[in-house]
PDB file of N, CA and C in Angstrom:
ATOM      1  N   MET A   1      10.891  -3.086  12.539  1.00  0.00           N
ATOM      2  CA  MET A   1      10.382  -2.195  11.344  1.00  0.00           C
ATOM      3  C   MET A   1       9.641  -0.846  11.799  1.00  0.00           C
ATOM      4  N   THR A   2       8.695  -1.182  12.490  1.00  0.00           N
ATOM      5  CA  THR A   2       7.717   0.069  12.746  1.00  0.00           C
ATOM      6  C   THR A   2       8.905   1.449  13.163  1.00  0.00           C
ATOM      7  N   ASP A   3      10.306   1.201  14.435  1.00  0.00           N
ATOM      8  CA  ASP A   3      10.186   2.409  13.979  1.00  0.00           C
ATOM      9  C   ASP A   3      11.205   2.800  13.078  1.00  0.00           C
ATOM     10  N   LYS A   4      11.909   2.081  12.555  1.00  0.00           N
ATOM     11  CA  LYS A   4      12.598   2.813  11.275  1.00  0.00           C
ATOM     12  C   LYS A   4      12.088   3.353  10.789  1.00  0.00           C
ATOM     13  N   PHE A   5      10.739   3.200  10.204  1.00  0.00           N
ATOM     14  CA  PHE A   5       9.707   4.322   9.605  1.00  0.00           C
ATOM     15  C   PHE A   5       8.864   5.497  10.259  1.00  0.00           C
ATOM     16  N   LEU A   6       8.977   5.583  11.733  1.00  0.00           N
ATOM     17  CA  LEU A   6       8.561   6.476  12.392  1.00  0.00           C
ATOM     18  C   LEU A   6       9.897   7.241  12.877  1.00  0.00           C
ATOM     19  N   LYS A   7      11.306   6.592  13.005  1.00  0.00           N
ATOM     20  CA  LYS A   7      11.864   7.516  13.009  1.00  0.00           C
ATOM     21  C   LYS A   7      12.701   8.204  11.941  1.00  0.00           C
ATOM     22  N   ALA A   8      11.893   7.490  11.001  1.00  0.00           N
ATOM     23  CA  ALA A   8      12.774   8.236   9.149  1.00  0.00           C
ATOM     24  C   ALA A   8      12.393   9.751   8.844  1.00  0.00           C
ATOM     25  N   LYS A   9      13.631  10.481   8.507  1.00  0.00           N
ATOM     26  CA  LYS A   9      13.043  11.869   8.315  1.00  0.00           C
ATOM     27  C   LYS A   9      12.062  12.145   6.761  1.00  0.00           C
ATOM     28  N   HIS A  10      11.259  12.985   6.529  1.00  0.00           N
ATOM     29  CA  HIS A  10      10.338  13.212   5.822  1.00  0.00           C
ATOM     30  C   HIS A  10      10.979  13.268   4.052  1.00  0.00           C
ATOM     31  N   TRP A  11      12.680  13.473   4.434  1.00  0.00           N
ATOM     32  CA  TRP A  11      13.025  13.101   2.815  1.00  0.00           C
ATOM     33  C   TRP A  11      13.366  11.573   2.964  1.00  0.00           C
ATOM     34  N   GLN A  12      13.255  11.117   3.304  1.00  0.00           N
ATOM     35  CA  GLN A  12      14.350   9.843   3.372  1.00  0.00           C
ATOM     36  C   GLN A  12      12.771   8.697   2.639  1.00  0.00           C
ATOM     37  N   LEU A  13      11.410   9.674   3.690  1.00  0.00           N
ATOM     38  CA  LEU A  13      10.227   8.608   3.209  1.00  0.00           C
ATOM     39  C   LEU A  13      10.156   8.847   1.641  1.00  0.00           C
ATOM     40  N   PHE A  14      10.171  10.348   1.309  1.00  0.00           N
ATOM     41  CA  PHE A  14       9.965  10.263  -0.097  1.00  0.00           C
ATOM     42  C   PHE A  14      11.213  10.457  -0.899  1.00  0.00           C
ATOM     43  N   ALA A  15      12.271   9.855  -0.696  1.00  0.00           N
ATOM     44  CA  ALA A  15      13.089   9.568  -1.918  1.00  0.00           C
ATOM     45  C   ALA A  15      12.862   8.181  -1.479  1.00  0.00           C
ATOM     46  N   LEU A  16      12.375   6.991  -1.042  1.00  0.00           N
ATOM     47  CA  LEU A  16      11.898   5.791  -1.233  1.00  0.00           C
ATOM     48  C   LEU A  16      10.728   5.617  -1.948  1.00  0.00           C
ATOM     49  N   THR A  17       9.647   6.941  -1.575  1.00  0.00           N
ATOM     50  CA  THR A  17       8.274   6.262  -2.616  1.00  0.00           C
ATOM     51  C   THR A  17       8.380   6.980  -3.681  1.00  0.00           C
ATOM     52  N   PHE A  18       9.476   8.429  -4.018  1.00  0.00           N
ATOM     53  CA  PHE A  18       8.948   9.363  -5.575  1.00  0.00           C
ATOM     54  C   PHE A  18       9.976   9.240  -5.907  1.00  0.00           C
ATOM     55  N   GLY A  19      10.939   9.621  -5.023  1.00  0.00           N
ATOM     56  CA  GLY A  19      12.349   9.705  -5.785  1.00  0.00           C
ATOM     57  C   GLY A  19      13.028   8.679  -6.560  1.00  0.00           C
ATOM     58  N   ILE A  20      13.212   7.513  -6.240  1.00  0.00           N
ATOM     59  CA  ILE A  20      13.689   6.142  -6.757  1.00  0.00           C
ATOM     60  C   ILE A  20      12.697   5.878  -8.369  1.00  0.00           C
ATOM     61  N   PRO A  21      11.505   5.524  -7.789  1.00  0.00           N
ATOM     62  CA  PRO A  21      10.497   5.628  -9.342  1.00  0.00           C
ATOM     63  C   PRO A  21      10.959   6.808 -10.168  1.00  0.00           C
ATOM     64  N   LEU A  22      11.118   7.648  -9.516  1.00  0.00           N
ATOM     65  CA  LEU A  22      10.832   9.043 -10.683  1.00  0.00           C
ATOM     66  C   LEU A  22      12.213   9.085 -11.300  1.00  0.00           C
ATOM     67  N   ILE A  23      13.374   8.367 -11.122  1.00  0.00           N
ATOM     68  CA  ILE A  23      14.663   8.659 -11.544  1.00  0.00           C
ATOM     69  C   ILE A  23      14.828   7.028 -12.182  1.00  0.00           C
ATOM     70  N   PHE A  24      13.860   6.157 -11.918  1.00  0.00           N
ATOM     71  CA  PHE A  24      13.963   4.692 -12.971  1.00  0.00           C
ATOM     72  C   PHE A  24      13.035   5.659 -14.334  1.00  0.00           C
ATOM     73  N   GLN A  25      11.875   6.368 -14.176  1.00  0.00           N
ATOM     74  CA  GLN A  25      11.494   6.538 -15.359  1.00  0.00           C
ATOM     75  C   GLN A  25      11.975   7.382 -15.920  1.00  0.00           C
ATOM     76  N   LEU A  26      12.575   8.421 -15.445  1.00  0.00           N
ATOM     77  CA  LEU A  26      13.489   8.986 -16.105  1.00  0.00           C
ATOM     78  C   LEU A  26      14.233   8.831 -17.294  1.00  0.00           C
ATOM     79  N   PHE A  27      15.215   7.529 -16.703  1.00  0.00           N
ATOM     80  CA  PHE A  27      16.482   6.686 -17.476  1.00  0.00           C
ATOM     81  C   PHE A  27      15.426   6.029 -18.485  1.00  0.00           C
ATOM     82  N   MET A  28      14.394   5.171 -18.112  1.00  0.00           N
ATOM     83  CA  MET A  28      13.336   4.763 -19.196  1.00  0.00           C
ATOM     84  C   MET A  28      13.594   5.718 -20.059  1.00  0.00           C
ATOM     85  N   ILE A  29      12.918   6.790 -19.802  1.00  0.00           N
ATOM     86  CA  ILE A  29      12.532   7.758 -20.998  1.00  0.00           C
ATOM     87  C   ILE A  29      13.188   8.201 -21.723  1.00  0.00           C
ATOM     88  N   GLY A  30      14.238   8.607 -21.086  1.00  0.00           N
ATOM     89  CA  GLY A  30      15.807   9.334 -21.668  1.00  0.00           C
ATOM     90  C   GLY A  30      16.587   7.989 -22.711  1.00  0.00           C
ATOM     91  N   SER A  31      16.373   6.779 -22.323  1.00  0.00           N
ATOM     92  CA  SER A  31      16.728   5.368 -23.249  1.00  0.00           C
ATOM     93  C   SER A  31      16.213   5.356 -24.440  1.00  0.00           C
ATOM     94  N   VAL A  32      14.716   5.294 -24.373  1.00  0.00           N
ATOM     95  CA  VAL A  32      13.645   5.323 -25.124  1.00  0.00           C
ATOM     96  C   VAL A  32      13.886   6.250 -26.553  1.00  0.00           C
ATOM     97  N   ILE A  33      13.802   7.649 -25.984  1.00  0.00           N
ATOM     98  CA  ILE A  33      14.109   8.988 -26.959  1.00  0.00           C
ATOM     99  C   ILE A  33      15.537   8.669 -27.574  1.00  0.00           C
ATOM    100  N   THR A  34      16.647   7.758 -26.405  1.00  0.00           N
ATOM    101  CA  THR A  34      17.218   7.720 -27.697  1.00  0.00           C
ATOM    102  C   THR A  34      17.855   6.458 -28.431  1.00  0.00           C
ATOM    103  N   ASP A  35      17.212   6.418 -28.205  1.00  0.00           N
ATOM    104  CA  ASP A  35      16.853   4.649 -29.065  1.00  0.00           C
ATOM    105  C   ASP A  35      15.773   5.547 -30.306  1.00  0.00           C
ATOM    106  N   ILE A  36      15.126   6.227 -30.357  1.00  0.00           N
ATOM    107  CA  ILE A  36      14.520   7.102 -31.338  1.00  0.00           C
ATOM    108  C   ILE A  36      15.272   7.757 -32.140  1.00  0.00           C
ATOM    109  N   ALA A  37      15.957   8.724 -31.612  1.00  0.00           N
ATOM    110  CA  ALA A  37      16.635   9.733 -31.914  1.00  0.00           C
ATOM    111  C   ALA A  37      17.978   9.289 -32.825  1.00  0.00           C
ATOM    112  N   VAL A  38      18.191   8.074 -32.478  1.00  0.00           N
ATOM    113  CA  VAL A  38      19.530   7.233 -32.963  1.00  0.00           C
ATOM    114  C   VAL A  38      19.376   6.388 -34.161  1.00  0.00           C
ATOM    115  N   HIS A  39      18.017   5.779 -33.807  1.00  0.00           N
ATOM    116  CA  HIS A  39      17.584   5.108 -34.996  1.00  0.00           C
ATOM    117  C   HIS A  39      16.661   5.208 -35.758  1.00  0.00           C
ATOM    118  N   GLU A  40      16.420   5.111 -37.346  1.00  0.00           N
ATOM    119  CA  GLU A  40      15.301   5.837 -38.247  1.00  0.00           C
ATOM    120  C   GLU A  40      14.295   5.092 -37.978  1.00  0.00           C
ATOM    121  N   ASN A  41      14.459   3.851 -37.822  1.00  0.00           N
ATOM    122  CA  ASN A  41      13.144   2.939 -37.702  1.00  0.00           C
ATOM    123  C   ASN A  41      13.121   2.348 -36.073  1.00  0.00           C
ATOM    124  N   PRO A  42      12.934   3.168 -34.644  1.00  0.00           N
ATOM    125  CA  PRO A  42      13.211   2.082 -33.817  1.00  0.00           C
ATOM    126  C   PRO A  42      12.524   0.783 -33.603  1.00  0.00           C
ATOM    127  N   ASP A  43      13.138  -0.062 -32.773  1.00  0.00           N
ATOM    128  CA  ASP A  43      11.817  -1.230 -32.177  1.00  0.00           C
ATOM    129  C   ASP A  43      11.221  -0.883 -31.213  1.00  0.00           C
ATOM    130  N   PRO A  44       9.439  -1.376 -31.347  1.00  0.00           N
ATOM    131  CA  PRO A  44       8.387  -0.871 -30.534  1.00  0.00           C
ATOM    132  C   PRO A  44       8.795  -2.062 -28.843  1.00  0.00           C
ATOM    133  N   ALA A  45       9.106  -3.084 -29.974  1.00  0.00           N
ATOM    134  CA  ALA A  45       9.545  -4.072 -28.631  1.00  0.00           C
ATOM    135  C   ALA A  45      10.460  -3.827 -27.382  1.00  0.00           C
ATOM    136  N   MET A  46      11.384  -2.654 -28.056  1.00  0.00           N
ATOM    137  CA  MET A  46      12.686  -2.496 -26.935  1.00  0.00           C
ATOM    138  C   MET A  46      11.860  -1.337 -25.621  1.00  0.00           C
ATOM    139  N   MET A  47      11.038  -0.771 -26.441  1.00  0.00           N
ATOM    140  CA  MET A  47      10.029   0.529 -26.100  1.00  0.00           C
ATOM    141  C   MET A  47       9.259  -0.285 -24.782  1.00  0.00           C
ATOM    142  N   PHE A  48       9.088  -1.174 -25.162  1.00  0.00           N
ATOM    143  CA  PHE A  48       8.191  -2.378 -23.934  1.00  0.00           C
ATOM    144  C   PHE A  48       8.717  -3.204 -23.377  1.00  0.00           C
ATOM    145  N   ASN A  49      10.041  -3.515 -23.526  1.00  0.00           N
ATOM    146  CA  ASN A  49      10.876  -4.511 -22.237  1.00  0.00           C
ATOM    147  C   ASN A  49      11.094  -3.278 -20.872  1.00  0.00           C
ATOM    148  N   PHE A  50      10.868  -2.265 -20.897  1.00  0.00           N
ATOM    149  CA  PHE A  50      11.097  -1.707 -20.007  1.00  0.00           C
ATOM    150  C   PHE A  50      10.000  -1.821 -18.670  1.00  0.00           C
ATOM    151  N   MET A  51       8.466  -2.397 -19.595  1.00  0.00           N
ATOM    152  CA  MET A  51       7.051  -2.688 -18.776  1.00  0.00           C
ATOM    153  C   MET A  51       7.603  -3.693 -17.668  1.00  0.00           C
ATOM    154  N   LYS A  52       8.413  -4.877 -18.036  1.00  0.00           N
ATOM    155  CA  LYS A  52       8.726  -5.860 -17.101  1.00  0.00           C
ATOM    156  C   LYS A  52       9.464  -5.186 -15.775  1.00  0.00           C
ATOM    157  N   PHE A  53      10.337  -4.101 -15.813  1.00  0.00           N
ATOM    158  CA  PHE A  53      10.743  -3.927 -14.294  1.00  0.00           C
ATOM    159  C   PHE A  53       9.334  -2.537 -13.346  1.00  0.00           C
ATOM    160  N   PHE A  54       8.227  -2.644 -14.217  1.00  0.00           N
ATOM    161  CA  PHE A  54       7.144  -1.154 -13.718  1.00  0.00           C
ATOM    162  C   PHE A  54       6.238  -2.280 -12.308  1.00  0.00           C
ATOM    163  N   PRO A  55       6.247  -3.710 -12.169  1.00  0.00           N
ATOM    164  CA  PRO A  55       6.123  -4.007 -10.587  1.00  0.00           C
ATOM    165  C   PRO A  55       6.694  -3.818 -10.086  1.00  0.00           C
ATOM    166  N   VAL A  56       8.068  -4.249  -9.836  1.00  0.00           N
ATOM    167  CA  VAL A  56       9.268  -3.958  -9.369  1.00  0.00           C
ATOM    168  C   VAL A  56       8.683  -3.087  -8.306  1.00  0.00           C
ATOM    169  N   ILE A  57       9.138  -2.155  -9.318  1.00  0.00           N
ATOM    170  CA  ILE A  57       8.849  -0.660  -8.651  1.00  0.00           C
ATOM    171  C   ILE A  57       7.672   0.134  -8.105  1.00  0.00           C
ATOM    172  N   MET A  58       6.428  -0.703  -8.127  1.00  0.00           N
ATOM    173  CA  MET A  58       5.455  -0.379  -8.073  1.00  0.00           C
ATOM    174  C   MET A  58       5.136  -0.834  -6.346  1.00  0.00           C
ATOM    175  N   ILE A  59       5.694  -2.124  -6.221  1.00  0.00           N
ATOM    176  CA  ILE A  59       5.929  -2.998  -5.543  1.00  0.00           C
ATOM    177  C   ILE A  59       6.774  -2.708  -4.243  1.00  0.00           C
ATOM    178  N   LEU A  60       7.842  -1.942  -4.641  1.00  0.00           N
ATOM    179  CA  LEU A  60       8.418  -1.106  -3.788  1.00  0.00           C
ATOM    180  C   LEU A  60       7.655  -0.204  -3.339  1.00  0.00           C
ATOM    181  N   TYR A  61       6.491   0.794  -4.560  1.00  0.00           N
ATOM    182  CA  TYR A  61       6.339   1.863  -3.437  1.00  0.00           C
ATOM    183  C   TYR A  61       5.205   1.660  -2.736  1.00  0.00           C
ATOM    184  N   LEU A  62       4.102   0.347  -2.368  1.00  0.00           N
ATOM    185  CA  LEU A  62       3.449   0.233  -1.762  1.00  0.00           C
ATOM    186  C   LEU A  62       4.171   0.022  -0.718  1.00  0.00           C
ATOM    187  N   VAL A  63       5.351  -0.980  -0.669  1.00  0.00           N
ATOM    188  CA  VAL A  63       5.624  -1.535   0.785  1.00  0.00           C
ATOM    189  C   VAL A  63       6.180  -0.568   1.413  1.00  0.00           C
ATOM    190  N   VAL A  64       6.119   0.261   1.040  1.00  0.00           N
ATOM    191  CA  VAL A  64       7.051   1.839   1.296  1.00  0.00           C
ATOM    192  C   VAL A  64       5.814   2.806   2.524  1.00  0.00           C
ATOM    193  N   PHE A  65       4.994   2.415   1.064  1.00  0.00           N
ATOM    194  CA  PHE A  65       3.644   3.405   1.827  1.00  0.00           C
ATOM    195  C   PHE A  65       3.048   3.044   2.601  1.00  0.00           C
ATOM    196  N   PHE A  66       2.260   1.654   2.432  1.00  0.00           N
ATOM    197  CA  PHE A  66       1.669   0.637   3.456  1.00  0.00           C
ATOM    198  C   PHE A  66       2.081   0.651   4.662  1.00  0.00           C
ATOM    199  N   GLY A  67       3.505   0.108   4.286  1.00  0.00           N
ATOM    200  CA  GLY A  67       4.153   0.375   5.600  1.00  0.00           C
ATOM    201  C   GLY A  67       4.177   1.417   6.845  1.00  0.00           C
ATOM    202  N   TRP A  68       4.489   2.211   5.864  1.00  0.00           N
ATOM    203  CA  TRP A  68       4.509   3.482   6.544  1.00  0.00           C
ATOM    204  C   TRP A  68       3.314   4.127   7.254  1.00  0.00           C
ATOM    205  N   HIS A  69       1.798   3.486   6.827  1.00  0.00           N
ATOM    206  CA  HIS A  69       0.518   3.980   7.224  1.00  0.00           C
ATOM    207  C   HIS A  69       0.543   2.598   8.920  1.00  0.00           C
ATOM    208  N   TRP A  70       0.672   1.708   8.571  1.00  0.00           N
ATOM    209  CA  TRP A  70       0.842   0.362   9.150  1.00  0.00           C
ATOM    210  C   TRP A  70       1.929   1.321  10.892  1.00  0.00           C
ATOM    211  N   SER A  71       2.620   1.804  10.498  1.00  0.00           N
ATOM    212  CA  SER A  71       3.662   2.181  11.461  1.00  0.00           C
ATOM    213  C   SER A  71       3.151   2.843  12.344  1.00  0.00           C
ATOM    214  N   VAL A  72       2.451   4.501  11.616  1.00  0.00           N
ATOM    215  CA  VAL A  72       1.595   4.962  12.197  1.00  0.00           C
ATOM    216  C   VAL A  72       0.678   4.807  13.711  1.00  0.00           C
ATOM    217  N   ALA A  73       0.268   4.214  12.566  1.00  0.00           N
ATOM    218  CA  ALA A  73      -1.272   2.762  13.197  1.00  0.00           C
ATOM    219  C   ALA A  73      -0.595   2.663  14.695  1.00  0.00           C
ATOM    220  N   ILE A  74       0.679   1.512  14.192  1.00  0.00           N
ATOM    221  CA  ILE A  74       0.823   0.627  15.527  1.00  0.00           C
ATOM    222  C   ILE A  74       1.427   1.823  16.475  1.00  0.00           C
ATOM    223  N   GLY A  75       2.122   2.818  15.699  1.00  0.00           N
ATOM    224  CA  GLY A  75       2.602   3.821  17.266  1.00  0.00           C
ATOM    225  C   GLY A  75       1.824   4.472  18.042  1.00  0.00           C
ATOM    226  N   LEU A  76       0.788   4.888  17.122  1.00  0.00           N
ATOM    227  CA  LEU A  76       0.125   5.564  17.584  1.00  0.00           C
ATOM    228  C   LEU A  76      -0.823   4.791  18.753  1.00  0.00           C
ATOM    229  N   GLN A  77      -0.790   3.597  18.847  1.00  0.00           N
ATOM    230  CA  GLN A  77      -2.163   2.631  19.914  1.00  0.00           C
ATOM    231  C   GLN A  77      -1.213   2.925  21.226  1.00  0.00           C
ATOM    232  N   ASN A  78      -0.474   3.470  21.713  1.00  0.00           N
ATOM    233  CA  ASN A  78      -0.195   3.617  23.588  1.00  0.00           C
ATOM    234  C   ASN A  78      -0.983   4.949  23.523  1.00  0.00           C
ATOM    235  N   LYS A  79      -0.516   6.231  22.001  1.00  0.00           N
ATOM    236  CA  LYS A  79      -1.178   7.257  22.180  1.00  0.00           C
ATOM    237  C   LYS A  79      -3.003   7.776  22.537  1.00  0.00           C
ATOM    238  N   VAL A  80      -3.476   6.547  22.275  1.00  0.00           N
ATOM    239  CA  VAL A  80      -4.868   7.066  22.215  1.00  0.00           C
ATOM    240  C   VAL A  80      -5.390   6.331  23.992  1.00  0.00           C
ATOM    241  N   PRO A  81      -7.128   7.019  24.387  1.00  0.00           N
ATOM    242  CA  PRO A  81      -7.064   6.700  25.483  1.00  0.00           C
ATOM    243  C   PRO A  81      -7.614   5.770  25.841  1.00  0.00           C
ATOM    244  N   GLU A  82      -7.604   4.656  27.386  1.00  0.00           N
ATOM    245  CA  GLU A  82      -7.528   3.365  27.071  1.00  0.00           C
ATOM    246  C   GLU A  82      -9.184   2.791  27.004  1.00  0.00           C
ATOM    247  N   ASN A  83     -10.077   3.841  27.080  1.00  0.00           N
ATOM    248  CA  ASN A  83     -11.250   3.191  26.253  1.00  0.00           C
ATOM    249  C   ASN A  83     -11.662   3.061  25.066  1.00  0.00           C
ATOM    250  N   VAL A  84     -10.349   3.911  24.268  1.00  0.00           N
ATOM    251  CA  VAL A  84     -10.417   3.808  22.765  1.00  0.00           C
ATOM    252  C   VAL A  84      -9.913   2.497  22.098  1.00  0.00           C
ATOM    253  N   THR A  85     -10.749   2.027  21.570  1.00  0.00           N
ATOM    254  CA  THR A  85      -9.852   0.537  20.733  1.00  0.00           C
ATOM    255  C   THR A  85      -9.877   0.877  19.184  1.00  0.00           C
ATOM    256  N   MET A  86      -8.531   0.471  18.927  1.00  0.00           N
ATOM    257  CA  MET A  86      -7.873   0.631  17.327  1.00  0.00           C
ATOM    258  C   MET A  86      -8.136   0.041  16.657  1.00  0.00           C
ATOM    259  N   LYS A  87      -8.742  -0.749  15.613  1.00  0.00           N
ATOM    260  CA  LYS A  87      -8.957  -1.527  14.866  1.00  0.00           C
ATOM    261  C   LYS A  87      -8.115  -1.865  13.968  1.00  0.00           C
ATOM    262  N   SER A  88      -6.582  -2.448  14.310  1.00  0.00           N
ATOM    263  CA  SER A  88      -5.571  -2.823  13.601  1.00  0.00           C
ATOM    264  C   SER A  88      -5.766  -3.549  12.554  1.00  0.00           C
ATOM    265  N   ASN A  89      -6.204  -4.628  13.305  1.00  0.00           N
ATOM    266  CA  ASN A  89      -6.430  -5.813  11.775  1.00  0.00           C
ATOM    267  C   ASN A  89      -7.497  -4.909  10.538  1.00  0.00           C
ATOM    268  N   PHE A  90      -8.243  -4.107  10.796  1.00  0.00           N
ATOM    269  CA  PHE A  90      -8.712  -3.699  10.015  1.00  0.00           C
ATOM    270  C   PHE A  90      -8.241  -2.831   8.942  1.00  0.00           C
ATOM    271  N   LEU A  91      -7.423  -2.080   9.209  1.00  0.00           N
ATOM    272  CA  LEU A  91      -6.642  -1.326   8.485  1.00  0.00           C
ATOM    273  C   LEU A  91      -5.656  -2.593   7.418  1.00  0.00           C
ATOM    274  N   PHE A  92      -4.972  -4.085   8.142  1.00  0.00           N
ATOM    275  CA  PHE A  92      -4.494  -4.345   7.083  1.00  0.00           C
ATOM    276  C   PHE A  92      -5.080  -5.737   7.506  1.00  0.00           C
ATOM    277  N   PRO A  93      -5.834  -6.413   6.179  1.00  0.00           N
ATOM    278  CA  PRO A  93      -6.315  -7.644   6.857  1.00  0.00           C
ATOM    279  C   PRO A  93      -4.709  -8.624   6.518  1.00  0.00           C
ATOM    280  N   LEU A  94      -3.809  -8.383   6.562  1.00  0.00           N
ATOM    281  CA  LEU A  94      -2.880  -9.650   6.259  1.00  0.00           C
ATOM    282  C   LEU A  94      -2.207  -9.711   7.955  1.00  0.00           C
ATOM    283  N   PHE A  95      -2.596  -8.788   8.765  1.00  0.00           N
ATOM    284  CA  PHE A  95      -2.619  -9.312  10.156  1.00  0.00           C
ATOM    285  C   PHE A  95      -3.267  -9.951  10.838  1.00  0.00           C
ATOM    286  N   CYS A  96      -4.325 -10.094  10.408  1.00  0.00           N
ATOM    287  CA  CYS A  96      -5.499 -10.653  11.347  1.00  0.00           C
ATOM    288  C   CYS A  96      -5.269 -11.283  12.319  1.00  0.00           C
ATOM    289  N   GLY A  97      -4.321 -12.235  11.853  1.00  0.00           N
ATOM    290  CA  GLY A  97      -3.672 -13.564  13.061  1.00  0.00           C
ATOM    291  C   GLY A  97      -3.438 -12.758  14.351  1.00  0.00           C
ATOM    292  N   GLN A  98      -2.989 -11.196  14.260  1.00  0.00           N
ATOM    293  CA  GLN A  98      -2.044 -11.025  15.360  1.00  0.00           C
ATOM    294  C   GLN A  98      -2.430  -9.956  15.757  1.00  0.00           C
ATOM    295  N   ASN A  99      -2.060  -9.970  17.512  1.00  0.00           N
ATOM    296  CA  ASN A  99      -2.487  -9.430  18.719  1.00  0.00           C
ATOM    297  C   ASN A  99      -1.870  -8.362  18.535  1.00  0.00           C
ATOM    298  N   PHE A 100      -2.200  -7.120  18.001  1.00  0.00           N
ATOM    299  CA  PHE A 100      -1.237  -5.650  18.481  1.00  0.00           C
ATOM    300  C   PHE A 100      -1.757  -5.299  19.792  1.00  0.00           C
TER     301      PHE A 100
END
């Protein structure tokens, strides 16, 4: 997984972190505006139905963002001098049990 993040092009990382959420948000705003334009009294509950998708988009963003940071930190460990130790466990407490 580390290699996939490190070999990804800049536009691929941008598309995953910002492109997909932006397109989804534009779709949500477009459907809400369409509902407001079509109905004289739009249903406010329909507007908030899209909020159930927000955690999914946020988790996608966080996985890509923190996964890339973690991959860079792990990928650069062999580039630092021997006398310098990096605490990669401090960066991500989820991986504290693993030795990198």
